């Protein structure tokens, strides 16, 4: 059973304007070391935008958004050995997911020249 659906799109030009690919302090305020270790320098903007869109989509599934109730750091978008993205939650994000009975996540991330988009589904245990 579907408990939540989230979708988000991130514009690459906005990320470039705010130097997401070069501002390590900004990167560390949004992404974990584990997430950043997966990045590819030649496609850093696309990588960061896609992962950010996925985090936003998860927050939408949880119906929390990013706030003092749920931070971007509590939602990690990691990759399996074969490169398939998966979601790892901690803190309040995990607490909210457990409270509503999330047992499985499905996540898809796609990129175009100008945008990255993510679609997330939260499924019941």
PDB file of N, CA and C in Angstrom:
ATOM      1  N   UNK A   1       0.833  -1.176   0.000  1.00  0.00           N
ATOM      2  CA  UNK A   1       0.000   0.000   0.000  1.00  0.00           C
ATOM      3  C   UNK A   1       0.883   1.247   0.000  1.00  0.00           C
ATOM      4  N   UNK A   2       0.514   2.220  -0.795  1.00  0.00           N
ATOM      5  CA  UNK A   2       1.262   3.476  -0.881  1.00  0.00           C
ATOM      6  C   UNK A   2       0.856   4.389   0.274  1.00  0.00           C
ATOM      7  N   UNK A   3       1.865   4.848   1.020  1.00  0.00           N
ATOM      8  CA  UNK A   3       1.627   5.770   2.124  1.00  0.00           C
ATOM      9  C   UNK A   3       1.912   7.216   1.746  1.00  0.00           C
ATOM     10  N   UNK A   4       2.789   7.395   0.773  1.00  0.00           N
ATOM     11  CA  UNK A   4       3.139   8.747   0.364  1.00  0.00           C
ATOM     12  C   UNK A   4       3.827   8.755  -0.977  1.00  0.00           C
ATOM     13  N   UNK A   5       3.650   9.844  -1.702  1.00  0.00           N
ATOM     14  CA  UNK A   5       4.302  10.055  -2.988  1.00  0.00           C
ATOM     15  C   UNK A   5       4.910  11.448  -2.951  1.00  0.00           C
ATOM     16  N   UNK A   6       6.151  11.544  -3.396  1.00  0.00           N
ATOM     17  CA  UNK A   6       6.805  12.844  -3.454  1.00  0.00           C
ATOM     18  C   UNK A   6       7.543  13.004  -4.767  1.00  0.00           C
ATOM     19  N   UNK A   7       7.528  14.208  -5.285  1.00  0.00           N
ATOM     20  CA  UNK A   7       8.234  14.517  -6.522  1.00  0.00           C
ATOM     21  C   UNK A   7       8.843  15.900  -6.361  1.00  0.00           C
ATOM     22  N   UNK A   8      10.066  16.071  -6.845  1.00  0.00           N
ATOM     23  CA  UNK A   8      10.698  17.384  -6.788  1.00  0.00           C
ATOM     24  C   UNK A   8      11.628  17.546  -7.983  1.00  0.00           C
ATOM     25  N   UNK A   9      11.757  18.775  -8.428  1.00  0.00           N
ATOM     26  CA  UNK A   9      12.640  19.101  -9.553  1.00  0.00           C
ATOM     27  C   UNK A   9      13.557  20.243  -9.113  1.00  0.00           C
ATOM     28  N   UNK A  10      14.811  20.157  -9.499  1.00  0.00           N
ATOM     29  CA  UNK A  10      15.803  21.166  -9.131  1.00  0.00           C
ATOM     30  C   UNK A  10      16.447  21.703 -10.399  1.00  0.00           C
ATOM     31  N   UNK A  11      16.520  23.016 -10.496  1.00  0.00           N
ATOM     32  CA  UNK A  11      17.079  23.672 -11.670  1.00  0.00           C
ATOM     33  C   UNK A  11      18.597  23.824 -11.532  1.00  0.00           C
ATOM     34  N   UNK A  12      19.329  23.338 -12.513  1.00  0.00           N
ATOM     35  CA  UNK A  12      20.790  23.376 -12.466  1.00  0.00           C
ATOM     36  C   UNK A  12      21.336  24.798 -12.418  1.00  0.00           C
ATOM     37  N   UNK A  13      20.698  25.735 -13.128  1.00  0.00           N
ATOM     38  CA  UNK A  13      21.196  27.118 -13.128  1.00  0.00           C
ATOM     39  C   UNK A  13      21.140  27.753 -11.750  1.00  0.00           C
ATOM     40  N   UNK A  14      20.127  27.421 -10.971  1.00  0.00           N
ATOM     41  CA  UNK A  14      20.032  27.946  -9.601  1.00  0.00           C
ATOM     42  C   UNK A  14      21.185  27.385  -8.766  1.00  0.00           C
ATOM     43  N   UNK A  15      21.442  26.088  -8.903  1.00  0.00           N
ATOM     44  CA  UNK A  15      22.541  25.474  -8.161  1.00  0.00           C
ATOM     45  C   UNK A  15      23.886  26.083  -8.571  1.00  0.00           C
ATOM     46  N   UNK A  16      24.062  26.351  -9.853  1.00  0.00           N
ATOM     47  CA  UNK A  16      25.298  27.003 -10.313  1.00  0.00           C
ATOM     48  C   UNK A  16      25.420  28.411  -9.737  1.00  0.00           C
ATOM     49  N   UNK A  17      24.304  29.143  -9.725  1.00  0.00           N
ATOM     50  CA  UNK A  17      24.289  30.515  -9.206  1.00  0.00           C
ATOM     51  C   UNK A  17      24.765  30.552  -7.756  1.00  0.00           C
ATOM     52  N   UNK A  18      24.401  29.543  -6.980  1.00  0.00           N
ATOM     53  CA  UNK A  18      24.793  29.475  -5.577  1.00  0.00           C
ATOM     54  C   UNK A  18      26.039  28.612  -5.345  1.00  0.00           C
ATOM     55  N   UNK A  19      26.730  28.273  -6.426  1.00  0.00           N
ATOM     56  CA  UNK A  19      28.025  27.557  -6.357  1.00  0.00           C
ATOM     57  C   UNK A  19      27.956  26.231  -5.599  1.00  0.00           C
ATOM     58  N   UNK A  20      26.880  25.481  -5.816  1.00  0.00           N
ATOM     59  CA  UNK A  20      26.764  24.192  -5.142  1.00  0.00           C
ATOM     60  C   UNK A  20      27.956  23.289  -5.423  1.00  0.00           C
ATOM     61  N   UNK A  21      28.511  23.372  -6.620  1.00  0.00           N
ATOM     62  CA  UNK A  21      29.609  22.475  -6.992  1.00  0.00           C
ATOM     63  C   UNK A  21      30.932  22.869  -6.351  1.00  0.00           C
ATOM     64  N   UNK A  22      31.059  24.091  -5.841  1.00  0.00           N
ATOM     65  CA  UNK A  22      32.325  24.560  -5.281  1.00  0.00           C
ATOM     66  C   UNK A  22      32.255  24.891  -3.791  1.00  0.00           C
ATOM     67  N   UNK A  23      31.080  25.210  -3.289  1.00  0.00           N
ATOM     68  CA  UNK A  23      30.914  25.641  -1.899  1.00  0.00           C
ATOM     69  C   UNK A  23      30.786  24.428  -0.983  1.00  0.00           C
ATOM     70  N   UNK A  24      31.915  23.994  -0.435  1.00  0.00           N
ATOM     71  CA  UNK A  24      31.903  22.780   0.394  1.00  0.00           C
ATOM     72  C   UNK A  24      31.119  22.978   1.692  1.00  0.00           C
ATOM     73  N   UNK A  25      31.113  24.202   2.229  1.00  0.00           N
ATOM     74  CA  UNK A  25      30.321  24.454   3.442  1.00  0.00           C
ATOM     75  C   UNK A  25      28.834  24.241   3.145  1.00  0.00           C
ATOM     76  N   UNK A  26      28.383  24.738   2.017  1.00  0.00           N
ATOM     77  CA  UNK A  26      26.990  24.535   1.614  1.00  0.00           C
ATOM     78  C   UNK A  26      26.708  23.049   1.393  1.00  0.00           C
ATOM     79  N   UNK A  27      27.611  22.376   0.699  1.00  0.00           N
ATOM     80  CA  UNK A  27      27.438  20.940   0.461  1.00  0.00           C
ATOM     81  C   UNK A  27      27.271  20.181   1.778  1.00  0.00           C
ATOM     82  N   UNK A  28      28.131  20.502   2.758  1.00  0.00           N
ATOM     83  CA  UNK A  28      28.083  19.793   4.040  1.00  0.00           C
ATOM     84  C   UNK A  28      26.869  20.184   4.878  1.00  0.00           C
ATOM     85  N   UNK A  29      26.229  21.311   4.565  1.00  0.00           N
ATOM     86  CA  UNK A  29      25.017  21.688   5.296  1.00  0.00           C
ATOM     87  C   UNK A  29      23.802  20.905   4.799  1.00  0.00           C
ATOM     88  N   UNK A  30      23.908  20.309   3.609  1.00  0.00           N
ATOM     89  CA  UNK A  30      22.784  19.584   3.009  1.00  0.00           C
ATOM     90  C   UNK A  30      23.051  18.077   2.922  1.00  0.00           C
ATOM     91  N   UNK A  31      24.285  17.708   2.600  1.00  0.00           N
ATOM     92  CA  UNK A  31      24.631  16.316   2.294  1.00  0.00           C
ATOM     93  C   UNK A  31      25.587  15.731   3.322  1.00  0.00           C
ATOM     94  N   UNK A  32      25.470  14.436   3.555  1.00  0.00           N
ATOM     95  CA  UNK A  32      26.380  13.726   4.455  1.00  0.00           C
ATOM     96  C   UNK A  32      27.688  13.411   3.733  1.00  0.00           C
ATOM     97  N   UNK A  33      28.687  13.052   4.497  1.00  0.00           N
ATOM     98  CA  UNK A  33      29.965  12.630   3.907  1.00  0.00           C
ATOM     99  C   UNK A  33      29.758  11.413   3.010  1.00  0.00           C
ATOM    100  N   UNK A  34      28.888  10.512   3.436  1.00  0.00           N
ATOM    101  CA  UNK A  34      28.609   9.311   2.633  1.00  0.00           C
ATOM    102  C   UNK A  34      28.028   9.681   1.280  1.00  0.00           C
ATOM    103  N   UNK A  35      27.121  10.649   1.268  1.00  0.00           N
ATOM    104  CA  UNK A  35      26.522  11.088   0.008  1.00  0.00           C
ATOM    105  C   UNK A  35      27.569  11.768  -0.876  1.00  0.00           C
ATOM    106  N   UNK A  36      28.341  12.671  -0.290  1.00  0.00           N
ATOM    107  CA  UNK A  36      29.334  13.411  -1.071  1.00  0.00           C
ATOM    108  C   UNK A  36      30.416  12.500  -1.634  1.00  0.00           C
ATOM    109  N   UNK A  37      30.703  11.415  -0.933  1.00  0.00           N
ATOM    110  CA  UNK A  37      31.735  10.480  -1.422  1.00  0.00           C
ATOM    111  C   UNK A  37      31.300   9.774  -2.707  1.00  0.00           C
ATOM    112  N   UNK A  38      30.011   9.799  -3.016  1.00  0.00           N
ATOM    113  CA  UNK A  38      29.484   9.157  -4.226  1.00  0.00           C
ATOM    114  C   UNK A  38      29.528  10.063  -5.450  1.00  0.00           C
ATOM    115  N   UNK A  39      29.808  11.353  -5.239  1.00  0.00           N
ATOM    116  CA  UNK A  39      29.702  12.334  -6.324  1.00  0.00           C
ATOM    117  C   UNK A  39      30.797  12.158  -7.369  1.00  0.00           C
ATOM    118  N   UNK A  40      30.480  12.622  -8.562  1.00  0.00           N
ATOM    119  CA  UNK A  40      31.410  12.604  -9.685  1.00  0.00           C
ATOM    120  C   UNK A  40      31.721  14.046 -10.034  1.00  0.00           C
ATOM    121  N   UNK A  41      32.973  14.448  -9.919  1.00  0.00           N
ATOM    122  CA  UNK A  41      33.346  15.846 -10.124  1.00  0.00           C
ATOM    123  C   UNK A  41      32.935  16.393 -11.481  1.00  0.00           C
ATOM    124  N   UNK A  42      32.959  15.568 -12.514  1.00  0.00           N
ATOM    125  CA  UNK A  42      32.617  16.075 -13.848  1.00  0.00           C
ATOM    126  C   UNK A  42      31.109  16.308 -14.024  1.00  0.00           C
ATOM    127  N   UNK A  43      30.290  15.776 -13.126  1.00  0.00           N
ATOM    128  CA  UNK A  43      28.830  15.990 -13.185  1.00  0.00           C
ATOM    129  C   UNK A  43      28.296  16.370 -11.805  1.00  0.00           C
ATOM    130  N   UNK A  44      29.068  17.165 -11.074  1.00  0.00           N
ATOM    131  CA  UNK A  44      28.737  17.504  -9.690  1.00  0.00           C
ATOM    132  C   UNK A  44      27.384  18.204  -9.571  1.00  0.00           C
ATOM    133  N   UNK A  45      27.103  19.177 -10.428  1.00  0.00           N
ATOM    134  CA  UNK A  45      25.819  19.897 -10.341  1.00  0.00           C
ATOM    135  C   UNK A  45      24.656  18.930 -10.511  1.00  0.00           C
ATOM    136  N   UNK A  46      24.711  18.073 -11.522  1.00  0.00           N
ATOM    137  CA  UNK A  46      23.634  17.120 -11.751  1.00  0.00           C
ATOM    138  C   UNK A  46      23.472  16.183 -10.557  1.00  0.00           C
ATOM    139  N   UNK A  47      24.597  15.701 -10.039  1.00  0.00           N
ATOM    140  CA  UNK A  47      24.564  14.790  -8.898  1.00  0.00           C
ATOM    141  C   UNK A  47      23.894  15.458  -7.697  1.00  0.00           C
ATOM    142  N   UNK A  48      24.370  16.646  -7.325  1.00  0.00           N
ATOM    143  CA  UNK A  48      23.835  17.338  -6.152  1.00  0.00           C
ATOM    144  C   UNK A  48      22.364  17.700  -6.333  1.00  0.00           C
ATOM    145  N   UNK A  49      22.009  18.184  -7.524  1.00  0.00           N
ATOM    146  CA  UNK A  49      20.609  18.537  -7.783  1.00  0.00           C
ATOM    147  C   UNK A  49      19.703  17.316  -7.707  1.00  0.00           C
ATOM    148  N   UNK A  50      20.138  16.199  -8.261  1.00  0.00           N
ATOM    149  CA  UNK A  50      19.342  14.976  -8.210  1.00  0.00           C
ATOM    150  C   UNK A  50      19.144  14.476  -6.794  1.00  0.00           C
ATOM    151  N   UNK A  51      20.223  14.494  -6.023  1.00  0.00           N
ATOM    152  CA  UNK A  51      20.129  14.031  -4.635  1.00  0.00           C
ATOM    153  C   UNK A  51      19.281  14.976  -3.797  1.00  0.00           C
ATOM    154  N   UNK A  52      19.414  16.279  -4.042  1.00  0.00           N
ATOM    155  CA  UNK A  52      18.595  17.248  -3.311  1.00  0.00           C
ATOM    156  C   UNK A  52      17.108  17.054  -3.650  1.00  0.00           C
ATOM    157  N   UNK A  53      16.812  16.865  -4.929  1.00  0.00           N
ATOM    158  CA  UNK A  53      15.422  16.630  -5.339  1.00  0.00           C
ATOM    159  C   UNK A  53      14.870  15.382  -4.644  1.00  0.00           C
ATOM    160  N   UNK A  54      15.687  14.344  -4.519  1.00  0.00           N
ATOM    161  CA  UNK A  54      15.242  13.119  -3.847  1.00  0.00           C
ATOM    162  C   UNK A  54      14.972  13.380  -2.364  1.00  0.00           C
ATOM    163  N   UNK A  55      15.837  14.142  -1.709  1.00  0.00           N
ATOM    164  CA  UNK A  55      15.614  14.480  -0.302  1.00  0.00           C
ATOM    165  C   UNK A  55      14.293  15.235  -0.136  1.00  0.00           C
ATOM    166  N   UNK A  56      14.055  16.220  -1.012  1.00  0.00           N
ATOM    167  CA  UNK A  56      12.803  16.978  -0.972  1.00  0.00           C
ATOM    168  C   UNK A  56      11.595  16.060  -1.196  1.00  0.00           C
ATOM    169  N   UNK A  57      11.717  15.127  -2.124  1.00  0.00           N
ATOM    170  CA  UNK A  57      10.619  14.199  -2.408  1.00  0.00           C
ATOM    171  C   UNK A  57      10.325  13.309  -1.202  1.00  0.00           C
ATOM    172  N   UNK A  58      11.368  12.878  -0.499  1.00  0.00           N
ATOM    173  CA  UNK A  58      11.159  12.079   0.722  1.00  0.00           C
ATOM    174  C   UNK A  58      10.447  12.918   1.776  1.00  0.00           C
ATOM    175  N   UNK A  59      10.897  14.157   1.964  1.00  0.00           N
ATOM    176  CA  UNK A  59      10.258  15.044   2.951  1.00  0.00           C
ATOM    177  C   UNK A  59       8.787  15.257   2.615  1.00  0.00           C
ATOM    178  N   UNK A  60       8.466  15.297   1.330  1.00  0.00           N
ATOM    179  CA  UNK A  60       7.061  15.425   0.918  1.00  0.00           C
ATOM    180  C   UNK A  60       6.286  14.151   1.260  1.00  0.00           C
ATOM    181  N   UNK A  61       6.895  12.998   1.071  1.00  0.00           N
ATOM    182  CA  UNK A  61       6.241  11.736   1.458  1.00  0.00           C
ATOM    183  C   UNK A  61       5.944  11.717   2.955  1.00  0.00           C
ATOM    184  N   UNK A  62       6.866  12.254   3.740  1.00  0.00           N
ATOM    185  CA  UNK A  62       6.699  12.280   5.193  1.00  0.00           C
ATOM    186  C   UNK A  62       5.770  13.403   5.660  1.00  0.00           C
ATOM    187  N   UNK A  63       5.441  14.287   4.725  1.00  0.00           N
ATOM    188  CA  UNK A  63       4.563  15.432   5.002  1.00  0.00           C
ATOM    189  C   UNK A  63       5.153  16.367   6.055  1.00  0.00           C
ATOM    190  N   UNK A  64       6.495  16.474   6.060  1.00  0.00           N
ATOM    191  CA  UNK A  64       7.167  17.343   7.027  1.00  0.00           C
ATOM    192  C   UNK A  64       7.831  18.531   6.350  1.00  0.00           C
ATOM    193  N   UNK A  65       8.296  18.355   5.115  1.00  0.00           N
ATOM    194  CA  UNK A  65       9.153  19.363   4.518  1.00  0.00           C
ATOM    195  C   UNK A  65      10.430  19.459   5.340  1.00  0.00           C
ATOM    196  N   UNK A  66      11.314  20.352   4.955  1.00  0.00           N
ATOM    197  CA  UNK A  66      12.517  20.586   5.747  1.00  0.00           C
ATOM    198  C   UNK A  66      12.207  21.693   6.744  1.00  0.00           C
ATOM    199  N   UNK A  67      12.422  21.403   8.006  1.00  0.00           N
ATOM    200  CA  UNK A  67      12.141  22.352   9.076  1.00  0.00           C
ATOM    201  C   UNK A  67      12.901  21.878  10.298  1.00  0.00           C
ATOM    202  N   UNK A  68      12.588  22.457  11.441  1.00  0.00           N
ATOM    203  CA  UNK A  68      13.199  21.965  12.671  1.00  0.00           C
ATOM    204  C   UNK A  68      12.683  20.572  13.014  1.00  0.00           C
ATOM    205  N   UNK A  69      11.614  20.143  12.342  1.00  0.00           N
ATOM    206  CA  UNK A  69      11.061  18.794  12.546  1.00  0.00           C
ATOM    207  C   UNK A  69      11.801  17.730  11.750  1.00  0.00           C
ATOM    208  N   UNK A  70      12.455  18.121  10.662  1.00  0.00           N
ATOM    209  CA  UNK A  70      13.123  17.159   9.783  1.00  0.00           C
ATOM    210  C   UNK A  70      14.174  17.899   8.961  1.00  0.00           C
ATOM    211  N   UNK A  71      15.427  17.490   9.087  1.00  0.00           N
ATOM    212  CA  UNK A  71      16.498  18.174   8.362  1.00  0.00           C
ATOM    213  C   UNK A  71      16.971  17.351   7.166  1.00  0.00           C
ATOM    214  N   UNK A  72      17.624  18.022   6.239  1.00  0.00           N
ATOM    215  CA  UNK A  72      18.156  17.352   5.048  1.00  0.00           C
ATOM    216  C   UNK A  72      19.179  16.283   5.422  1.00  0.00           C
ATOM    217  N   UNK A  73      19.907  16.487   6.506  1.00  0.00           N
ATOM    218  CA  UNK A  73      20.911  15.505   6.935  1.00  0.00           C
ATOM    219  C   UNK A  73      20.298  14.202   7.424  1.00  0.00           C
ATOM    220  N   UNK A  74      19.042  14.238   7.824  1.00  0.00           N
ATOM    221  CA  UNK A  74      18.372  13.030   8.305  1.00  0.00           C
ATOM    222  C   UNK A  74      17.869  12.148   7.164  1.00  0.00           C
ATOM    223  N   UNK A  75      17.963  12.661   5.958  1.00  0.00           N
ATOM    224  CA  UNK A  75      17.557  11.917   4.765  1.00  0.00           C
ATOM    225  C   UNK A  75      18.791  11.771   3.887  1.00  0.00           C
ATOM    226  N   UNK A  76      19.293  10.558   3.787  1.00  0.00           N
ATOM    227  CA  UNK A  76      20.460  10.306   2.932  1.00  0.00           C
ATOM    228  C   UNK A  76      20.007   9.557   1.685  1.00  0.00           C
ATOM    229  N   UNK A  77      20.545   9.973   0.549  1.00  0.00           N
ATOM    230  CA  UNK A  77      20.294   9.286  -0.711  1.00  0.00           C
ATOM    231  C   UNK A  77      21.625   8.648  -1.099  1.00  0.00           C
ATOM    232  N   UNK A  78      21.705   7.362  -0.884  1.00  0.00           N
ATOM    233  CA  UNK A  78      22.941   6.611  -1.126  1.00  0.00           C
ATOM    234  C   UNK A  78      22.764   5.750  -2.369  1.00  0.00           C
ATOM    235  N   UNK A  79      23.779   4.968  -2.701  1.00  0.00           N
ATOM    236  CA  UNK A  79      23.715   4.103  -3.892  1.00  0.00           C
ATOM    237  C   UNK A  79      24.183   2.706  -3.556  1.00  0.00           C
ATOM    238  N   UNK A  80      23.528   1.725  -4.159  1.00  0.00           N
ATOM    239  CA  UNK A  80      23.987   0.345  -4.046  1.00  0.00           C
ATOM    240  C   UNK A  80      25.276   0.193  -4.858  1.00  0.00           C
ATOM    241  N   UNK A  81      25.898  -0.950  -4.752  1.00  0.00           N
ATOM    242  CA  UNK A  81      27.133  -1.195  -5.516  1.00  0.00           C
ATOM    243  C   UNK A  81      26.893  -1.074  -7.016  1.00  0.00           C
ATOM    244  N   UNK A  82      25.677  -1.370  -7.454  1.00  0.00           N
ATOM    245  CA  UNK A  82      25.371  -1.281  -8.885  1.00  0.00           C
ATOM    246  C   UNK A  82      24.914   0.122  -9.297  1.00  0.00           C
ATOM    247  N   UNK A  83      24.868   1.062  -8.326  1.00  0.00           N
ATOM    248  CA  UNK A  83      24.514   2.441  -8.637  1.00  0.00           C
ATOM    249  C   UNK A  83      23.059   2.803  -8.440  1.00  0.00           C
ATOM    250  N   UNK A  84      22.248   1.861  -7.978  1.00  0.00           N
ATOM    251  CA  UNK A  84      20.826   2.135  -7.749  1.00  0.00           C
ATOM    252  C   UNK A  84      20.671   2.969  -6.479  1.00  0.00           C
ATOM    253  N   UNK A  85      19.975   4.113  -6.567  1.00  0.00           N
ATOM    254  CA  UNK A  85      19.815   4.932  -5.360  1.00  0.00           C
ATOM    255  C   UNK A  85      18.886   4.282  -4.353  1.00  0.00           C
ATOM    256  N   UNK A  86      19.195   4.517  -3.071  1.00  0.00           N
ATOM    257  CA  UNK A  86      18.306   4.070  -2.002  1.00  0.00           C
ATOM    258  C   UNK A  86      18.310   5.110  -0.890  1.00  0.00           C
ATOM    259  N   UNK A  87      17.301   5.024  -0.025  1.00  0.00           N
ATOM    260  CA  UNK A  87      17.071   6.014   1.014  1.00  0.00           C
ATOM    261  C   UNK A  87      17.439   5.436   2.368  1.00  0.00           C
ATOM    262  N   UNK A  88      18.192   6.231   3.144  1.00  0.00           N
ATOM    263  CA  UNK A  88      18.537   5.869   4.522  1.00  0.00           C
ATOM    264  C   UNK A  88      18.127   7.044   5.406  1.00  0.00           C
ATOM    265  N   UNK A  89      17.292   6.766   6.402  1.00  0.00           N
ATOM    266  CA  UNK A  89      16.795   7.807   7.295  1.00  0.00           C
ATOM    267  C   UNK A  89      17.403   7.686   8.688  1.00  0.00           C
ATOM    268  N   UNK A  90      17.469   8.824   9.375  1.00  0.00           N
ATOM    269  CA  UNK A  90      17.895   8.853  10.768  1.00  0.00           C
ATOM    270  C   UNK A  90      17.116   9.951  11.483  1.00  0.00           C
ATOM    271  N   UNK A  91      17.266  10.035  12.789  1.00  0.00           N
ATOM    272  CA  UNK A  91      16.653  11.112  13.568  1.00  0.00           C
ATOM    273  C   UNK A  91      15.145  11.197  13.396  1.00  0.00           C
ATOM    274  N   UNK A  92      14.647  12.448  13.330  1.00  0.00           N
ATOM    275  CA  UNK A  92      13.205  12.672  13.210  1.00  0.00           C
ATOM    276  C   UNK A  92      12.627  12.090  11.930  1.00  0.00           C
ATOM    277  N   UNK A  93      13.386  12.130  10.844  1.00  0.00           N
ATOM    278  CA  UNK A  93      12.880  11.574   9.583  1.00  0.00           C
ATOM    279  C   UNK A  93      12.544  10.094   9.756  1.00  0.00           C
ATOM    280  N   UNK A  94      13.437   9.358  10.407  1.00  0.00           N
ATOM    281  CA  UNK A  94      13.186   7.933  10.655  1.00  0.00           C
ATOM    282  C   UNK A  94      11.991   7.759  11.595  1.00  0.00           C
ATOM    283  N   UNK A  95      11.918   8.610  12.612  1.00  0.00           N
ATOM    284  CA  UNK A  95      10.803   8.542  13.560  1.00  0.00           C
ATOM    285  C   UNK A  95       9.468   8.757  12.845  1.00  0.00           C
ATOM    286  N   UNK A  96       9.385   9.768  11.985  1.00  0.00           N
ATOM    287  CA  UNK A  96       8.146  10.031  11.250  1.00  0.00           C
ATOM    288  C   UNK A  96       7.805   8.864  10.325  1.00  0.00           C
ATOM    289  N   UNK A  97       8.811   8.313   9.638  1.00  0.00           N
ATOM    290  CA  UNK A  97       8.572   7.179   8.739  1.00  0.00           C
ATOM    291  C   UNK A  97       8.064   5.969   9.518  1.00  0.00           C
ATOM    292  N   UNK A  98       8.668   5.709  10.681  1.00  0.00           N
ATOM    293  CA  UNK A  98       8.226   4.586  11.509  1.00  0.00           C
ATOM    294  C   UNK A  98       6.798   4.807  12.008  1.00  0.00           C
ATOM    295  N   UNK A  99       6.478   6.042  12.396  1.00  0.00           N
ATOM    296  CA  UNK A  99       5.138   6.346  12.923  1.00  0.00           C
ATOM    297  C   UNK A  99       4.041   6.110  11.889  1.00  0.00           C
ATOM    298  N   UNK A 100       4.327   6.411  10.632  1.00  0.00           N
ATOM    299  CA  UNK A 100       3.287   6.199   9.608  1.00  0.00           C
ATOM    300  C   UNK A 100       3.369   4.811   8.976  1.00  0.00           C
ATOM    301  N   UNK A 101       4.382   4.023   9.379  1.00  0.00           N
ATOM    302  CA  UNK A 101       4.459   2.633   8.949  1.00  0.00           C
ATOM    303  C   UNK A 101       5.185   2.378   7.644  1.00  0.00           C
ATOM    304  N   UNK A 102       6.140   3.257   7.286  1.00  0.00           N
ATOM    305  CA  UNK A 102       6.897   3.036   6.051  1.00  0.00           C
ATOM    306  C   UNK A 102       7.807   1.820   6.230  1.00  0.00           C
ATOM    307  N   UNK A 103       7.708   0.886   5.303  1.00  0.00           N
ATOM    308  CA  UNK A 103       8.540  -0.307   5.335  1.00  0.00           C
ATOM    309  C   UNK A 103       9.495  -0.391   4.164  1.00  0.00           C
ATOM    310  N   UNK A 104       9.197   0.359   3.120  1.00  0.00           N
ATOM    311  CA  UNK A 104      10.022   0.303   1.905  1.00  0.00           C
ATOM    312  C   UNK A 104       9.912   1.635   1.175  1.00  0.00           C
ATOM    313  N   UNK A 105      11.001   2.003   0.529  1.00  0.00           N
ATOM    314  CA  UNK A 105      11.055   3.219  -0.294  1.00  0.00           C
ATOM    315  C   UNK A 105      11.414   2.844  -1.719  1.00  0.00           C
ATOM    316  N   UNK A 106      10.815   3.522  -2.657  1.00  0.00           N
ATOM    317  CA  UNK A 106      11.211   3.433  -4.061  1.00  0.00           C
ATOM    318  C   UNK A 106      11.621   4.842  -4.485  1.00  0.00           C
ATOM    319  N   UNK A 107      12.771   4.965  -5.129  1.00  0.00           N
ATOM    320  CA  UNK A 107      13.261   6.285  -5.535  1.00  0.00           C
ATOM    321  C   UNK A 107      13.815   6.212  -6.953  1.00  0.00           C
ATOM    322  N   UNK A 108      13.506   7.223  -7.713  1.00  0.00           N
ATOM    323  CA  UNK A 108      14.041   7.358  -9.066  1.00  0.00           C
ATOM    324  C   UNK A 108      14.568   8.782  -9.211  1.00  0.00           C
ATOM    325  N   UNK A 109      15.748   8.913  -9.829  1.00  0.00           N
ATOM    326  CA  UNK A 109      16.368  10.214 -10.074  1.00  0.00           C
ATOM    327  C   UNK A 109      16.726  10.286 -11.551  1.00  0.00           C
ATOM    328  N   UNK A 110      16.358  11.390 -12.198  1.00  0.00           N
ATOM    329  CA  UNK A 110      16.682  11.586 -13.612  1.00  0.00           C
ATOM    330  C   UNK A 110      17.207  13.001 -13.824  1.00  0.00           C
ATOM    331  N   UNK A 111      17.985  13.144 -14.898  1.00  0.00           N
ATOM    332  CA  UNK A 111      18.599  14.433 -15.214  1.00  0.00           C
ATOM    333  C   UNK A 111      18.360  14.775 -16.686  1.00  0.00           C
ATOM    334  N   UNK A 112      18.186  16.058 -16.943  1.00  0.00           N
ATOM    335  CA  UNK A 112      18.223  16.577 -18.310  1.00  0.00           C
ATOM    336  C   UNK A 112      19.344  17.605 -18.344  1.00  0.00           C
ATOM    337  N   UNK A 113      19.455  18.314 -19.407  1.00  0.00           N
ATOM    338  CA  UNK A 113      20.500  19.326 -19.507  1.00  0.00           C
ATOM    339  C   UNK A 113      20.337  20.401 -18.431  1.00  0.00           C
ATOM    340  N   UNK A 114      19.090  20.768 -18.111  1.00  0.00           N
ATOM    341  CA  UNK A 114      18.827  21.903 -17.236  1.00  0.00           C
ATOM    342  C   UNK A 114      18.225  21.567 -15.872  1.00  0.00           C
ATOM    343  N   UNK A 115      17.744  20.334 -15.721  1.00  0.00           N
ATOM    344  CA  UNK A 115      17.024  19.980 -14.497  1.00  0.00           C
ATOM    345  C   UNK A 115      17.388  18.582 -14.024  1.00  0.00           C
ATOM    346  N   UNK A 116      17.198  18.390 -12.712  1.00  0.00           N
ATOM    347  CA  UNK A 116      17.209  17.044 -12.127  1.00  0.00           C
ATOM    348  C   UNK A 116      15.887  16.867 -11.404  1.00  0.00           C
ATOM    349  N   UNK A 117      15.333  15.675 -11.514  1.00  0.00           N
ATOM    350  CA  UNK A 117      14.029  15.383 -10.920  1.00  0.00           C
ATOM    351  C   UNK A 117      14.122  14.072 -10.154  1.00  0.00           C
ATOM    352  N   UNK A 118      13.323  13.982  -9.115  1.00  0.00           N
ATOM    353  CA  UNK A 118      13.243  12.732  -8.374  1.00  0.00           C
ATOM    354  C   UNK A 118      11.787  12.444  -8.029  1.00  0.00           C
ATOM    355  N   UNK A 119      11.469  11.171  -8.052  1.00  0.00           N
ATOM    356  CA  UNK A 119      10.146  10.674  -7.705  1.00  0.00           C
ATOM    357  C   UNK A 119      10.333   9.606  -6.638  1.00  0.00           C
ATOM    358  N   UNK A 120       9.602   9.734  -5.535  1.00  0.00           N
ATOM    359  CA  UNK A 120       9.761   8.812  -4.399  1.00  0.00           C
ATOM    360  C   UNK A 120       8.384   8.281  -3.982  1.00  0.00           C
ATOM    361  N   UNK A 121       8.349   7.002  -3.667  1.00  0.00           N
ATOM    362  CA  UNK A 121       7.133   6.371  -3.146  1.00  0.00           C
ATOM    363  C   UNK A 121       7.471   5.722  -1.810  1.00  0.00           C
ATOM    364  N   UNK A 122       6.657   6.007  -0.803  1.00  0.00           N
ATOM    365  CA  UNK A 122       6.764   5.353   0.499  1.00  0.00           C
ATOM    366  C   UNK A 122       5.709   4.256   0.563  1.00  0.00           C
ATOM    367  N   UNK A 123       6.150   3.024   0.852  1.00  0.00           N
ATOM    368  CA  UNK A 123       5.245   1.875   0.896  1.00  0.00           C
ATOM    369  C   UNK A 123       5.096   1.356   2.318  1.00  0.00           C
ATOM    370  N   UNK A 124       3.916   0.846   2.634  1.00  0.00           N
ATOM    371  CA  UNK A 124       3.613   0.306   3.969  1.00  0.00           C
ATOM    372  C   UNK A 124       4.432  -0.961   4.241  1.00  0.00           C
ATOM    373  N   UNK A 125       4.719  -1.159   5.528  1.00  0.00           N
ATOM    374  CA  UNK A 125       5.444  -2.369   5.968  1.00  0.00           C
ATOM    375  C   UNK A 125       4.686  -3.607   5.592  1.00  0.00           C
TER     376      UNK A 125
END
